[in-house]
């Protein structure tokens, strides 16, 4: 039971140091869930009894976590508008046309068909 609770049943850890790091990661996640208890809603299954916010289990806090994120303040700035910049005004001509590069053929060919036939003979 504790292997599933600690999340050891899912990953395939081969190194003992990686197992230690995974255990501490799971402990940190459970601690965050316990700290978020008073903020989370009790989203319970139909067969579960109601529970006061200070007694929520980490699984119930995790269920209500998606609703919790919308109520939290975010340290990020306001989003920038998703419209492109002004660019070149409509109707104005392009003053800097794109450069055209030579294709770089390396074989010299005859200009006319008669020259080609003469070279083939």
PDB file of N, CA and C in Angstrom:
ATOM      1  N   UNK A   1       0.820  -1.185   0.000  1.00  0.00           N
ATOM      2  CA  UNK A   1       0.000   0.000   0.000  1.00  0.00           C
ATOM      3  C   UNK A   1       0.869   1.257   0.000  1.00  0.00           C
ATOM      4  N   UNK A   2       1.933   1.264   0.792  1.00  0.00           N
ATOM      5  CA  UNK A   2       2.757   2.469   0.865  1.00  0.00           C
ATOM      6  C   UNK A   2       3.519   2.713  -0.427  1.00  0.00           C
ATOM      7  N   UNK A   3       3.819   1.648  -1.187  1.00  0.00           N
ATOM      8  CA  UNK A   3       4.506   1.848  -2.467  1.00  0.00           C
ATOM      9  C   UNK A   3       3.625   2.646  -3.411  1.00  0.00           C
ATOM     10  N   UNK A   4       2.319   2.356  -3.413  1.00  0.00           N
ATOM     11  CA  UNK A   4       1.408   3.108  -4.269  1.00  0.00           C
ATOM     12  C   UNK A   4       1.230   4.531  -3.759  1.00  0.00           C
ATOM     13  N   UNK A   5       1.138   4.702  -2.447  1.00  0.00           N
ATOM     14  CA  UNK A   5       0.958   6.029  -1.871  1.00  0.00           C
ATOM     15  C   UNK A   5       2.158   6.916  -2.167  1.00  0.00           C
ATOM     16  N   UNK A   6       3.353   6.355  -2.107  1.00  0.00           N
ATOM     17  CA  UNK A   6       4.562   7.135  -2.374  1.00  0.00           C
ATOM     18  C   UNK A   6       4.869   7.250  -3.858  1.00  0.00           C
ATOM     19  N   UNK A   7       4.074   6.648  -4.709  1.00  0.00           N
ATOM     20  CA  UNK A   7       4.286   6.761  -6.139  1.00  0.00           C
ATOM     21  C   UNK A   7       5.405   5.873  -6.649  1.00  0.00           C
ATOM     22  N   UNK A   8       5.726   4.806  -5.943  1.00  0.00           N
ATOM     23  CA  UNK A   8       6.803   3.914  -6.364  1.00  0.00           C
ATOM     24  C   UNK A   8       6.325   2.853  -7.345  1.00  0.00           C
ATOM     25  N   UNK A   9       5.019   2.705  -7.532  1.00  0.00           N
ATOM     26  CA  UNK A   9       4.503   1.649  -8.395  1.00  0.00           C
ATOM     27  C   UNK A   9       4.618   2.030  -9.874  1.00  0.00           C
ATOM     28  N   UNK A  10       4.666   3.311 -10.186  1.00  0.00           N
ATOM     29  CA  UNK A  10       4.665   3.760 -11.579  1.00  0.00           C
ATOM     30  C   UNK A  10       6.052   3.814 -12.217  1.00  0.00           C
ATOM     31  N   UNK A  11       7.025   4.546 -11.632  1.00  0.00           N
ATOM     32  CA  UNK A  11       8.315   4.677 -12.330  1.00  0.00           C
ATOM     33  C   UNK A  11       9.158   3.415 -12.215  1.00  0.00           C
ATOM     34  N   UNK A  12      10.006   3.221 -13.209  1.00  0.00           N
ATOM     35  CA  UNK A  12      10.943   2.088 -13.204  1.00  0.00           C
ATOM     36  C   UNK A  12      12.324   2.633 -12.835  1.00  0.00           C
ATOM     37  N   UNK A  13      12.584   2.734 -11.543  1.00  0.00           N
ATOM     38  CA  UNK A  13      13.828   3.322 -11.049  1.00  0.00           C
ATOM     39  C   UNK A  13      14.852   2.217 -10.848  1.00  0.00           C
ATOM     40  N   UNK A  14      16.048   2.402 -11.434  1.00  0.00           N
ATOM     41  CA  UNK A  14      17.097   1.384 -11.346  1.00  0.00           C
ATOM     42  C   UNK A  14      18.197   1.753 -10.359  1.00  0.00           C
ATOM     43  N   UNK A  15      18.389   3.055 -10.130  1.00  0.00           N
ATOM     44  CA  UNK A  15      19.470   3.514  -9.281  1.00  0.00           C
ATOM     45  C   UNK A  15      18.931   3.829  -7.881  1.00  0.00           C
ATOM     46  N   UNK A  16      19.619   3.401  -6.820  1.00  0.00           N
ATOM     47  CA  UNK A  16      19.131   3.708  -5.463  1.00  0.00           C
ATOM     48  C   UNK A  16      19.090   5.212  -5.175  1.00  0.00           C
ATOM     49  N   UNK A  17      20.026   5.972  -5.757  1.00  0.00           N
ATOM     50  CA  UNK A  17      20.010   7.423  -5.549  1.00  0.00           C
ATOM     51  C   UNK A  17      18.792   8.051  -6.213  1.00  0.00           C
ATOM     52  N   UNK A  18      18.411   7.534  -7.371  1.00  0.00           N
ATOM     53  CA  UNK A  18      17.213   8.025  -8.048  1.00  0.00           C
ATOM     54  C   UNK A  18      15.968   7.697  -7.227  1.00  0.00           C
ATOM     55  N   UNK A  19      15.951   6.538  -6.584  1.00  0.00           N
ATOM     56  CA  UNK A  19      14.815   6.177  -5.723  1.00  0.00           C
ATOM     57  C   UNK A  19      14.722   7.131  -4.539  1.00  0.00           C
ATOM     58  N   UNK A  20      15.868   7.511  -3.977  1.00  0.00           N
ATOM     59  CA  UNK A  20      15.856   8.473  -2.871  1.00  0.00           C
ATOM     60  C   UNK A  20      15.327   9.826  -3.333  1.00  0.00           C
ATOM     61  N   UNK A  21      15.792  10.279  -4.500  1.00  0.00           N
ATOM     62  CA  UNK A  21      15.312  11.562  -5.017  1.00  0.00           C
ATOM     63  C   UNK A  21      13.819  11.513  -5.300  1.00  0.00           C
ATOM     64  N   UNK A  22      13.352  10.385  -5.856  1.00  0.00           N
ATOM     65  CA  UNK A  22      11.918  10.237  -6.151  1.00  0.00           C
ATOM     66  C   UNK A  22      11.106  10.273  -4.858  1.00  0.00           C
ATOM     67  N   UNK A  23      11.598   9.613  -3.826  1.00  0.00           N
ATOM     68  CA  UNK A  23      10.889   9.606  -2.542  1.00  0.00           C
ATOM     69  C   UNK A  23      10.778  11.025  -1.990  1.00  0.00           C
ATOM     70  N   UNK A  24      11.867  11.789  -2.023  1.00  0.00           N
ATOM     71  CA  UNK A  24      11.823  13.156  -1.511  1.00  0.00           C
ATOM     72  C   UNK A  24      10.923  14.044  -2.364  1.00  0.00           C
ATOM     73  N   UNK A  25      10.873  13.776  -3.656  1.00  0.00           N
ATOM     74  CA  UNK A  25       9.980  14.533  -4.533  1.00  0.00           C
ATOM     75  C   UNK A  25       8.518  14.267  -4.175  1.00  0.00           C
ATOM     76  N   UNK A  26       8.187  13.016  -3.935  1.00  0.00           N
ATOM     77  CA  UNK A  26       6.810  12.657  -3.560  1.00  0.00           C
ATOM     78  C   UNK A  26       6.461  13.250  -2.195  1.00  0.00           C
ATOM     79  N   UNK A  27       7.422  13.236  -1.266  1.00  0.00           N
ATOM     80  CA  UNK A  27       7.178  13.825   0.052  1.00  0.00           C
ATOM     81  C   UNK A  27       6.919  15.323  -0.080  1.00  0.00           C
ATOM     82  N   UNK A  28       7.688  15.998  -0.940  1.00  0.00           N
ATOM     83  CA  UNK A  28       7.477  17.434  -1.160  1.00  0.00           C
ATOM     84  C   UNK A  28       6.103  17.696  -1.771  1.00  0.00           C
ATOM     85  N   UNK A  29       5.687  16.846  -2.710  1.00  0.00           N
ATOM     86  CA  UNK A  29       4.365  17.013  -3.324  1.00  0.00           C
ATOM     87  C   UNK A  29       3.251  16.819  -2.295  1.00  0.00           C
ATOM     88  N   UNK A  30       3.395  15.804  -1.426  1.00  0.00           N
ATOM     89  CA  UNK A  30       2.379  15.584  -0.388  1.00  0.00           C
ATOM     90  C   UNK A  30       2.344  16.750   0.588  1.00  0.00           C
ATOM     91  N   UNK A  31       3.521  17.327   0.886  1.00  0.00           N
ATOM     92  CA  UNK A  31       3.564  18.476   1.792  1.00  0.00           C
ATOM     93  C   UNK A  31       2.835  19.667   1.174  1.00  0.00           C
ATOM     94  N   UNK A  32       3.031  19.895  -0.113  1.00  0.00           N
ATOM     95  CA  UNK A  32       2.323  20.985  -0.780  1.00  0.00           C
ATOM     96  C   UNK A  32       0.810  20.756  -0.753  1.00  0.00           C
ATOM     97  N   UNK A  33       0.402  19.514  -0.943  1.00  0.00           N
ATOM     98  CA  UNK A  33      -1.034  19.219  -0.898  1.00  0.00           C
ATOM     99  C   UNK A  33      -1.590  19.438   0.500  1.00  0.00           C
ATOM    100  N   UNK A  34      -0.826  19.084   1.494  1.00  0.00           N
ATOM    101  CA  UNK A  34      -1.291  19.302   2.873  1.00  0.00           C
ATOM    102  C   UNK A  34      -1.373  20.790   3.188  1.00  0.00           C
ATOM    103  N   UNK A  35      -0.423  21.582   2.670  1.00  0.00           N
ATOM    104  CA  UNK A  35      -0.453  23.024   2.910  1.00  0.00           C
ATOM    105  C   UNK A  35      -1.605  23.694   2.161  1.00  0.00           C
ATOM    106  N   UNK A  36      -2.057  23.108   1.067  1.00  0.00           N
ATOM    107  CA  UNK A  36      -3.148  23.689   0.279  1.00  0.00           C
ATOM    108  C   UNK A  36      -4.515  23.259   0.783  1.00  0.00           C
ATOM    109  N   UNK A  37      -4.567  22.487   1.845  1.00  0.00           N
ATOM    110  CA  UNK A  37      -5.847  22.004   2.382  1.00  0.00           C
ATOM    111  C   UNK A  37      -6.881  23.096   2.617  1.00  0.00           C
ATOM    112  N   UNK A  38      -6.541  24.166   3.340  1.00  0.00           N
ATOM    113  CA  UNK A  38      -7.595  25.156   3.634  1.00  0.00           C
ATOM    114  C   UNK A  38      -8.121  25.879   2.391  1.00  0.00           C
ATOM    115  N   UNK A  39      -7.369  25.866   1.316  1.00  0.00           N
ATOM    116  CA  UNK A  39      -7.785  26.578   0.114  1.00  0.00           C
ATOM    117  C   UNK A  39      -8.587  25.715  -0.849  1.00  0.00           C
ATOM    118  N   UNK A  40      -8.472  24.411  -0.729  1.00  0.00           N
ATOM    119  CA  UNK A  40      -9.086  23.498  -1.699  1.00  0.00           C
ATOM    120  C   UNK A  40     -10.553  23.237  -1.375  1.00  0.00           C
ATOM    121  N   UNK A  41     -11.304  22.925  -2.425  1.00  0.00           N
ATOM    122  CA  UNK A  41     -12.704  22.530  -2.266  1.00  0.00           C
ATOM    123  C   UNK A  41     -12.779  21.024  -2.030  1.00  0.00           C
ATOM    124  N   UNK A  42     -13.845  20.593  -1.361  1.00  0.00           N
ATOM    125  CA  UNK A  42     -14.035  19.162  -1.137  1.00  0.00           C
ATOM    126  C   UNK A  42     -14.827  18.579  -2.297  1.00  0.00           C
ATOM    127  N   UNK A  43     -14.119  18.126  -3.314  1.00  0.00           N
ATOM    128  CA  UNK A  43     -14.768  17.456  -4.440  1.00  0.00           C
ATOM    129  C   UNK A  43     -14.768  15.969  -4.136  1.00  0.00           C
ATOM    130  N   UNK A  44     -15.867  15.492  -3.599  1.00  0.00           N
ATOM    131  CA  UNK A  44     -15.907  14.101  -3.150  1.00  0.00           C
ATOM    132  C   UNK A  44     -16.687  13.232  -4.111  1.00  0.00           C
ATOM    133  N   UNK A  45     -16.397  11.967  -4.041  1.00  0.00           N
ATOM    134  CA  UNK A  45     -17.146  10.973  -4.812  1.00  0.00           C
ATOM    135  C   UNK A  45     -18.522  10.789  -4.161  1.00  0.00           C
ATOM    136  N   UNK A  46     -19.504  10.256  -4.906  1.00  0.00           N
ATOM    137  CA  UNK A  46     -20.850  10.102  -4.326  1.00  0.00           C
ATOM    138  C   UNK A  46     -20.876   9.216  -3.079  1.00  0.00           C
ATOM    139  N   UNK A  47     -19.969   8.283  -2.949  1.00  0.00           N
ATOM    140  CA  UNK A  47     -19.993   7.369  -1.807  1.00  0.00           C
ATOM    141  C   UNK A  47     -19.165   7.880  -0.621  1.00  0.00           C
ATOM    142  N   UNK A  48     -18.462   9.000  -0.779  1.00  0.00           N
ATOM    143  CA  UNK A  48     -17.635   9.530   0.303  1.00  0.00           C
ATOM    144  C   UNK A  48     -18.430  10.503   1.157  1.00  0.00           C
ATOM    145  N   UNK A  49     -18.107  10.521   2.443  1.00  0.00           N
ATOM    146  CA  UNK A  49     -18.765  11.449   3.357  1.00  0.00           C
ATOM    147  C   UNK A  49     -18.150  12.835   3.222  1.00  0.00           C
ATOM    148  N   UNK A  50     -18.925  13.886   3.507  1.00  0.00           N
ATOM    149  CA  UNK A  50     -18.347  15.235   3.501  1.00  0.00           C
ATOM    150  C   UNK A  50     -17.265  15.336   4.574  1.00  0.00           C
ATOM    151  N   UNK A  51     -16.295  16.198   4.303  1.00  0.00           N
ATOM    152  CA  UNK A  51     -15.158  16.325   5.197  1.00  0.00           C
ATOM    153  C   UNK A  51     -14.850  17.806   5.397  1.00  0.00           C
ATOM    154  N   UNK A  52     -14.554  18.240   6.629  1.00  0.00           N
ATOM    155  CA  UNK A  52     -14.186  19.650   6.817  1.00  0.00           C
ATOM    156  C   UNK A  52     -12.854  19.951   6.137  1.00  0.00           C
ATOM    157  N   UNK A  53     -12.622  21.200   5.733  1.00  0.00           N
ATOM    158  CA  UNK A  53     -11.407  21.532   4.973  1.00  0.00           C
ATOM    159  C   UNK A  53     -10.103  21.172   5.683  1.00  0.00           C
ATOM    160  N   UNK A  54     -10.075  21.237   7.009  1.00  0.00           N
ATOM    161  CA  UNK A  54      -8.817  20.930   7.717  1.00  0.00           C
ATOM    162  C   UNK A  54      -8.538  19.433   7.804  1.00  0.00           C
ATOM    163  N   UNK A  55      -9.495  18.616   7.391  1.00  0.00           N
ATOM    164  CA  UNK A  55      -9.319  17.157   7.456  1.00  0.00           C
ATOM    165  C   UNK A  55      -9.246  16.505   6.072  1.00  0.00           C
ATOM    166  N   UNK A  56      -9.113  17.296   5.014  1.00  0.00           N
ATOM    167  CA  UNK A  56      -9.066  16.725   3.673  1.00  0.00           C
ATOM    168  C   UNK A  56      -7.796  15.889   3.484  1.00  0.00           C
ATOM    169  N   UNK A  57      -7.933  14.790   2.796  1.00  0.00           N
ATOM    170  CA  UNK A  57      -6.781  13.950   2.479  1.00  0.00           C
ATOM    171  C   UNK A  57      -6.048  14.531   1.270  1.00  0.00           C
ATOM    172  N   UNK A  58      -4.781  14.157   1.056  1.00  0.00           N
ATOM    173  CA  UNK A  58      -4.072  14.661  -0.122  1.00  0.00           C
ATOM    174  C   UNK A  58      -4.774  14.321  -1.443  1.00  0.00           C
ATOM    175  N   UNK A  59      -5.450  13.169  -1.502  1.00  0.00           N
ATOM    176  CA  UNK A  59      -6.154  12.796  -2.730  1.00  0.00           C
ATOM    177  C   UNK A  59      -7.315  13.753  -3.006  1.00  0.00           C
ATOM    178  N   UNK A  60      -8.049  14.142  -1.975  1.00  0.00           N
ATOM    179  CA  UNK A  60      -9.165  15.073  -2.168  1.00  0.00           C
ATOM    180  C   UNK A  60      -8.661  16.476  -2.485  1.00  0.00           C
ATOM    181  N   UNK A  61      -7.535  16.865  -1.888  1.00  0.00           N
ATOM    182  CA  UNK A  61      -6.958  18.169  -2.209  1.00  0.00           C
ATOM    183  C   UNK A  61      -6.512  18.178  -3.661  1.00  0.00           C
ATOM    184  N   UNK A  62      -5.938  17.070  -4.115  1.00  0.00           N
ATOM    185  CA  UNK A  62      -5.485  16.982  -5.504  1.00  0.00           C
ATOM    186  C   UNK A  62      -6.660  17.093  -6.469  1.00  0.00           C
ATOM    187  N   UNK A  63      -7.804  16.530  -6.100  1.00  0.00           N
ATOM    188  CA  UNK A  63      -8.995  16.636  -6.942  1.00  0.00           C
ATOM    189  C   UNK A  63      -9.450  18.079  -7.089  1.00  0.00           C
ATOM    190  N   UNK A  64      -9.359  18.854  -6.010  1.00  0.00           N
ATOM    191  CA  UNK A  64      -9.803  20.247  -6.043  1.00  0.00           C
ATOM    192  C   UNK A  64      -8.718  21.212  -6.460  1.00  0.00           C
ATOM    193  N   UNK A  65      -7.544  20.713  -6.806  1.00  0.00           N
ATOM    194  CA  UNK A  65      -6.400  21.572  -7.118  1.00  0.00           C
ATOM    195  C   UNK A  65      -6.630  22.406  -8.373  1.00  0.00           C
ATOM    196  N   UNK A  66      -7.331  21.862  -9.374  1.00  0.00           N
ATOM    197  CA  UNK A  66      -7.550  22.620 -10.608  1.00  0.00           C
ATOM    198  C   UNK A  66      -8.418  23.841 -10.361  1.00  0.00           C
ATOM    199  N   UNK A  67      -9.344  23.761  -9.384  1.00  0.00           N
ATOM    200  CA  UNK A  67     -10.176  24.909  -9.042  1.00  0.00           C
ATOM    201  C   UNK A  67      -9.408  25.899  -8.186  1.00  0.00           C
ATOM    202  N   UNK A  68      -8.428  25.406  -7.463  1.00  0.00           N
ATOM    203  CA  UNK A  68      -7.624  26.244  -6.589  1.00  0.00           C
ATOM    204  C   UNK A  68      -6.726  27.179  -7.393  1.00  0.00           C
ATOM    205  N   UNK A  69      -6.195  26.722  -8.477  1.00  0.00           N
ATOM    206  CA  UNK A  69      -5.245  27.509  -9.268  1.00  0.00           C
ATOM    207  C   UNK A  69      -5.880  28.778  -9.830  1.00  0.00           C
ATOM    208  N   UNK A  70      -7.136  28.742 -10.150  1.00  0.00           N
ATOM    209  CA  UNK A  70      -7.817  29.920 -10.666  1.00  0.00           C
ATOM    210  C   UNK A  70      -7.999  31.015  -9.627  1.00  0.00           C
ATOM    211  N   UNK A  71      -8.016  30.657  -8.353  1.00  0.00           N
ATOM    212  CA  UNK A  71      -8.215  31.645  -7.293  1.00  0.00           C
ATOM    213  C   UNK A  71      -6.907  32.219  -6.765  1.00  0.00           C
ATOM    214  N   UNK A  72      -5.784  31.603  -7.093  1.00  0.00           N
ATOM    215  CA  UNK A  72      -4.499  32.076  -6.593  1.00  0.00           C
ATOM    216  C   UNK A  72      -3.991  33.251  -7.414  1.00  0.00           C
ATOM    217  N   UNK A  73      -3.200  34.097  -6.765  1.00  0.00           N
ATOM    218  CA  UNK A  73      -2.537  35.162  -7.504  1.00  0.00           C
ATOM    219  C   UNK A  73      -1.301  34.588  -8.164  1.00  0.00           C
ATOM    220  N   UNK A  74      -1.012  35.051  -9.355  1.00  0.00           N
ATOM    221  CA  UNK A  74       0.133  34.539 -10.097  1.00  0.00           C
ATOM    222  C   UNK A  74       1.241  35.586 -10.111  1.00  0.00           C
ATOM    223  N   UNK A  75       2.489  35.159  -9.970  1.00  0.00           N
ATOM    224  CA  UNK A  75       3.587  36.122  -9.974  1.00  0.00           C
ATOM    225  C   UNK A  75       3.914  36.652 -11.373  1.00  0.00           C
ATOM    226  N   UNK A  76       3.334  36.083 -12.392  1.00  0.00           N
ATOM    227  CA  UNK A  76       3.631  36.504 -13.759  1.00  0.00           C
ATOM    228  C   UNK A  76       2.912  37.814 -14.077  1.00  0.00           C
ATOM    229  N   UNK A  77       3.442  38.543 -15.037  1.00  0.00           N
ATOM    230  CA  UNK A  77       2.823  39.790 -15.469  1.00  0.00           C
ATOM    231  C   UNK A  77       1.592  39.534 -16.315  1.00  0.00           C
ATOM    232  N   UNK A  78       0.947  40.622 -16.701  1.00  0.00           N
ATOM    233  CA  UNK A  78      -0.250  40.511 -17.533  1.00  0.00           C
ATOM    234  C   UNK A  78       0.126  39.969 -18.906  1.00  0.00           C
ATOM    235  N   UNK A  79      -0.727  39.168 -19.514  1.00  0.00           N
ATOM    236  CA  UNK A  79      -0.389  38.619 -20.831  1.00  0.00           C
ATOM    237  C   UNK A  79      -0.357  39.710 -21.896  1.00  0.00           C
ATOM    238  N   UNK A  80       0.526  39.504 -22.849  1.00  0.00           N
ATOM    239  CA  UNK A  80       0.632  40.455 -23.954  1.00  0.00           C
ATOM    240  C   UNK A  80      -0.439  40.133 -24.992  1.00  0.00           C
ATOM    241  N   UNK A  81      -0.873  41.141 -25.765  1.00  0.00           N
ATOM    242  CA  UNK A  81      -1.885  40.844 -26.788  1.00  0.00           C
ATOM    243  C   UNK A  81      -1.317  39.903 -27.849  1.00  0.00           C
ATOM    244  N   UNK A  82      -2.168  39.095 -28.410  1.00  0.00           N
ATOM    245  CA  UNK A  82      -1.737  38.074 -29.363  1.00  0.00           C
ATOM    246  C   UNK A  82      -1.882  38.530 -30.808  1.00  0.00           C
ATOM    247  N   UNK A  83      -1.955  39.828 -31.024  1.00  0.00           N
ATOM    248  CA  UNK A  83      -2.057  40.312 -32.397  1.00  0.00           C
ATOM    249  C   UNK A  83      -0.660  40.628 -32.908  1.00  0.00           C
ATOM    250  N   UNK A  84      -0.401  40.447 -34.192  1.00  0.00           N
ATOM    251  CA  UNK A  84       0.922  40.754 -34.720  1.00  0.00           C
ATOM    252  C   UNK A  84       1.178  42.257 -34.727  1.00  0.00           C
ATOM    253  N   UNK A  85       2.426  42.626 -34.924  1.00  0.00           N
ATOM    254  CA  UNK A  85       2.821  44.025 -34.965  1.00  0.00           C
ATOM    255  C   UNK A  85       2.255  44.746 -36.177  1.00  0.00           C
ATOM    256  N   UNK A  86       2.461  46.069 -36.260  1.00  0.00           N
ATOM    257  CA  UNK A  86       1.847  46.833 -37.346  1.00  0.00           C
ATOM    258  C   UNK A  86       2.405  46.483 -38.717  1.00  0.00           C
ATOM    259  N   UNK A  87       3.712  46.210 -38.817  1.00  0.00           N
ATOM    260  CA  UNK A  87       4.282  45.848 -40.112  1.00  0.00           C
ATOM    261  C   UNK A  87       4.258  47.008 -41.091  1.00  0.00           C
ATOM    262  N   UNK A  88       4.303  46.708 -42.363  1.00  0.00           N
ATOM    263  CA  UNK A  88       4.298  47.724 -43.411  1.00  0.00           C
ATOM    264  C   UNK A  88       2.863  48.184 -43.636  1.00  0.00           C
ATOM    265  N   UNK A  89       2.619  49.474 -43.758  1.00  0.00           N
ATOM    266  CA  UNK A  89       1.246  49.958 -43.968  1.00  0.00           C
ATOM    267  C   UNK A  89       0.679  49.452 -45.290  1.00  0.00           C
ATOM    268  N   UNK A  90      -0.605  49.260 -45.322  1.00  0.00           N
ATOM    269  CA  UNK A  90      -1.261  48.791 -46.545  1.00  0.00           C
ATOM    270  C   UNK A  90      -1.125  49.824 -47.656  1.00  0.00           C
ATOM    271  N   UNK A  91      -0.888  49.325 -48.864  1.00  0.00           N
ATOM    272  CA  UNK A  91      -0.799  50.194 -50.023  1.00  0.00           C
ATOM    273  C   UNK A  91       0.595  50.740 -50.278  1.00  0.00           C
ATOM    274  N   UNK A  92       1.504  50.662 -49.325  1.00  0.00           N
ATOM    275  CA  UNK A  92       2.851  51.178 -49.562  1.00  0.00           C
ATOM    276  C   UNK A  92       3.674  50.129 -50.288  1.00  0.00           C
ATOM    277  N   UNK A  93       4.603  50.599 -51.086  1.00  0.00           N
ATOM    278  CA  UNK A  93       5.431  49.690 -51.871  1.00  0.00           C
ATOM    279  C   UNK A  93       6.578  49.169 -51.031  1.00  0.00           C
ATOM    280  N   UNK A  94       7.021  47.987 -51.384  1.00  0.00           N
ATOM    281  CA  UNK A  94       8.180  47.409 -50.716  1.00  0.00           C
ATOM    282  C   UNK A  94       9.431  48.064 -51.288  1.00  0.00           C
ATOM    283  N   UNK A  95      10.155  48.807 -50.475  1.00  0.00           N
ATOM    284  CA  UNK A  95      11.329  49.538 -50.959  1.00  0.00           C
ATOM    285  C   UNK A  95      12.578  48.682 -50.969  1.00  0.00           C
ATOM    286  N   UNK A  96      12.550  47.578 -50.318  1.00  0.00           N
ATOM    287  CA  UNK A  96      13.720  46.695 -50.268  1.00  0.00           C
ATOM    288  C   UNK A  96      13.311  45.316 -50.768  1.00  0.00           C
ATOM    289  N   UNK A  97      13.294  45.110 -52.093  1.00  0.00           N
ATOM    290  CA  UNK A  97      12.888  43.793 -52.599  1.00  0.00           C
ATOM    291  C   UNK A  97      13.888  42.723 -52.193  1.00  0.00           C
ATOM    292  N   UNK A  98      13.424  41.517 -52.179  1.00  0.00           N
ATOM    293  CA  UNK A  98      14.278  40.399 -51.774  1.00  0.00           C
ATOM    294  C   UNK A  98      15.392  40.190 -52.779  1.00  0.00           C
ATOM    295  N   UNK A  99      16.547  39.767 -52.272  1.00  0.00           N
ATOM    296  CA  UNK A  99      17.680  39.509 -53.161  1.00  0.00           C
ATOM    297  C   UNK A  99      17.466  38.201 -53.905  1.00  0.00           C
ATOM    298  N   UNK A 100      17.893  38.166 -55.164  1.00  0.00           N
ATOM    299  CA  UNK A 100      17.809  36.949 -55.965  1.00  0.00           C
ATOM    300  C   UNK A 100      19.215  36.396 -56.122  1.00  0.00           C
ATOM    301  N   UNK A 101      19.375  35.144 -55.842  1.00  0.00           N
ATOM    302  CA  UNK A 101      20.685  34.513 -55.909  1.00  0.00           C
ATOM    303  C   UNK A 101      20.780  33.635 -57.153  1.00  0.00           C
ATOM    304  N   UNK A 102      21.969  33.548 -57.703  1.00  0.00           N
ATOM    305  CA  UNK A 102      22.217  32.698 -58.862  1.00  0.00           C
ATOM    306  C   UNK A 102      22.066  31.242 -58.436  1.00  0.00           C
ATOM    307  N   UNK A 103      21.508  30.402 -59.292  1.00  0.00           N
ATOM    308  CA  UNK A 103      21.296  28.999 -58.937  1.00  0.00           C
ATOM    309  C   UNK A 103      22.597  28.229 -58.871  1.00  0.00           C
ATOM    310  N   UNK A 104      23.655  28.730 -59.473  1.00  0.00           N
ATOM    311  CA  UNK A 104      24.966  28.110 -59.338  1.00  0.00           C
ATOM    312  C   UNK A 104      25.159  26.852 -60.145  1.00  0.00           C
ATOM    313  N   UNK A 105      24.756  26.845 -61.410  1.00  0.00           N
ATOM    314  CA  UNK A 105      24.979  25.665 -62.251  1.00  0.00           C
ATOM    315  C   UNK A 105      26.473  25.516 -62.500  1.00  0.00           C
ATOM    316  N   UNK A 106      26.972  24.308 -62.473  1.00  0.00           N
ATOM    317  CA  UNK A 106      28.400  24.064 -62.665  1.00  0.00           C
ATOM    318  C   UNK A 106      28.715  23.514 -64.041  1.00  0.00           C
ATOM    319  N   UNK A 107      27.718  23.050 -64.785  1.00  0.00           N
ATOM    320  CA  UNK A 107      27.948  22.455 -66.105  1.00  0.00           C
ATOM    321  C   UNK A 107      27.660  23.502 -67.165  1.00  0.00           C
ATOM    322  N   UNK A 108      28.599  23.724 -68.069  1.00  0.00           N
ATOM    323  CA  UNK A 108      28.400  24.667 -69.175  1.00  0.00           C
ATOM    324  C   UNK A 108      27.728  23.922 -70.314  1.00  0.00           C
ATOM    325  N   UNK A 109      26.573  24.390 -70.758  1.00  0.00           N
ATOM    326  CA  UNK A 109      25.822  23.730 -71.819  1.00  0.00           C
ATOM    327  C   UNK A 109      25.775  24.616 -73.050  1.00  0.00           C
ATOM    328  N   UNK A 110      25.556  23.984 -74.155  1.00  0.00           N
ATOM    329  CA  UNK A 110      25.442  24.716 -75.421  1.00  0.00           C
ATOM    330  C   UNK A 110      24.147  25.502 -75.445  1.00  0.00           C
ATOM    331  N   UNK A 111      24.178  26.666 -76.075  1.00  0.00           N
ATOM    332  CA  UNK A 111      23.031  27.553 -76.082  1.00  0.00           C
ATOM    333  C   UNK A 111      21.939  27.090 -77.039  1.00  0.00           C
ATOM    334  N   UNK A 112      22.313  26.476 -78.182  1.00  0.00           N
ATOM    335  CA  UNK A 112      21.309  26.093 -79.172  1.00  0.00           C
ATOM    336  C   UNK A 112      21.319  24.586 -79.383  1.00  0.00           C
ATOM    337  N   UNK A 113      20.264  24.090 -80.050  1.00  0.00           N
ATOM    338  CA  UNK A 113      20.171  22.658 -80.327  1.00  0.00           C
ATOM    339  C   UNK A 113      21.225  22.203 -81.326  1.00  0.00           C
ATOM    340  N   UNK A 114      21.523  23.041 -82.303  1.00  0.00           N
ATOM    341  CA  UNK A 114      22.529  22.646 -83.301  1.00  0.00           C
ATOM    342  C   UNK A 114      23.899  22.485 -82.651  1.00  0.00           C
ATOM    343  N   UNK A 115      24.225  23.383 -81.737  1.00  0.00           N
ATOM    344  CA  UNK A 115      25.493  23.241 -81.030  1.00  0.00           C
ATOM    345  C   UNK A 115      25.522  21.960 -80.202  1.00  0.00           C
ATOM    346  N   UNK A 116      24.410  21.592 -79.620  1.00  0.00           N
ATOM    347  CA  UNK A 116      24.349  20.372 -78.823  1.00  0.00           C
ATOM    348  C   UNK A 116      24.578  19.150 -79.711  1.00  0.00           C
ATOM    349  N   UNK A 117      23.961  19.146 -80.911  1.00  0.00           N
ATOM    350  CA  UNK A 117      24.127  18.004 -81.824  1.00  0.00           C
ATOM    351  C   UNK A 117      25.557  17.918 -82.337  1.00  0.00           C
ATOM    352  N   UNK A 118      26.185  19.046 -82.581  1.00  0.00           N
ATOM    353  CA  UNK A 118      27.562  19.058 -83.045  1.00  0.00           C
ATOM    354  C   UNK A 118      28.501  18.520 -81.966  1.00  0.00           C
ATOM    355  N   UNK A 119      28.220  18.847 -80.681  1.00  0.00           N
ATOM    356  CA  UNK A 119      29.080  18.359 -79.607  1.00  0.00           C
ATOM    357  C   UNK A 119      28.902  16.858 -79.408  1.00  0.00           C
ATOM    358  N   UNK A 120      27.691  16.340 -79.633  1.00  0.00           N
ATOM    359  CA  UNK A 120      27.415  14.927 -79.455  1.00  0.00           C
ATOM    360  C   UNK A 120      28.072  14.084 -80.542  1.00  0.00           C
ATOM    361  N   UNK A 121      28.276  14.612 -81.735  1.00  0.00           N
ATOM    362  CA  UNK A 121      28.874  13.863 -82.839  1.00  0.00           C
ATOM    363  C   UNK A 121      30.322  13.732 -82.710  1.00  0.00           C
TER     364      UNK A 121
END
